[in-house]
Amino acid sequence: MTNTEVSTRLEMRWVPVTDASGRTHMEAVWIEVGQPTTAAHAA
């Protein structure tokens, strides 16, 4: 059994957005991403 802590970090991603007139453009959004701080090893 392995204890694993998770740290989070912010990551910017680009997403397509369509406006009311039907035009599509890209907008940046920030999301919180979980990342294990220790690696689990198979026994």
Protein backbone atom coordinates (compact mmCIF):
# COMPACT_ATOMS: atom_id res chain seq x y z
CA MET A 1 0.00 0.00 0.00
CA THR A 2 1.39 3.38 -0.98
CA ASN A 3 0.44 6.77 0.41
CA THR A 4 0.07 9.21 -2.46
CA GLU A 5 -0.39 12.92 -1.99
CA VAL A 6 -1.90 14.99 -4.77
CA SER A 7 -0.76 18.51 -5.53
CA THR A 8 -2.64 20.75 -7.89
CA ARG A 9 -1.40 23.19 -10.45
CA LEU A 10 -3.02 25.55 -12.91
CA GLU A 11 -2.88 24.78 -16.61
CA MET A 12 -4.07 27.03 -19.43
CA ARG A 13 -6.05 25.40 -22.22
CA TRP A 14 -7.55 26.85 -25.37
CA VAL A 15 -11.21 26.07 -26.09
CA PRO A 16 -13.34 26.92 -29.13
CA VAL A 17 -16.25 29.28 -28.40
CA THR A 18 -19.07 30.04 -30.83
CA ASP A 19 -20.80 33.40 -30.43
CA ALA A 20 -24.46 34.23 -31.10
CA SER A 21 -23.78 35.08 -34.77
CA GLY A 22 -22.17 31.67 -35.39
CA ARG A 23 -18.53 32.80 -35.46
CA THR A 24 -16.06 30.55 -33.65
CA HIS A 25 -12.96 31.84 -31.90
CA MET A 26 -10.53 30.46 -29.34
CA GLU A 27 -10.52 31.51 -25.69
CA ALA A 28 -8.02 30.61 -22.98
CA VAL A 29 -9.31 29.07 -19.74
CA TRP A 30 -7.42 28.09 -16.60
CA ILE A 31 -8.14 24.68 -15.10
CA GLU A 32 -6.86 23.04 -11.93
CA VAL A 33 -4.98 19.80 -12.63
CA GLY A 34 -4.22 17.18 -9.96
CA GLN A 35 -0.80 15.58 -10.12
CA PRO A 36 0.53 12.80 -7.86
CA THR A 37 3.67 13.84 -5.97
CA THR A 38 4.86 10.27 -5.42
CA ALA A 39 4.92 7.40 -7.88
CA ALA A 40 3.19 4.14 -6.97
CA HIS A 41 5.39 1.09 -7.58
CA ALA A 42 4.03 -2.32 -8.43
CA ALA A 43 4.91 -5.05 -5.95
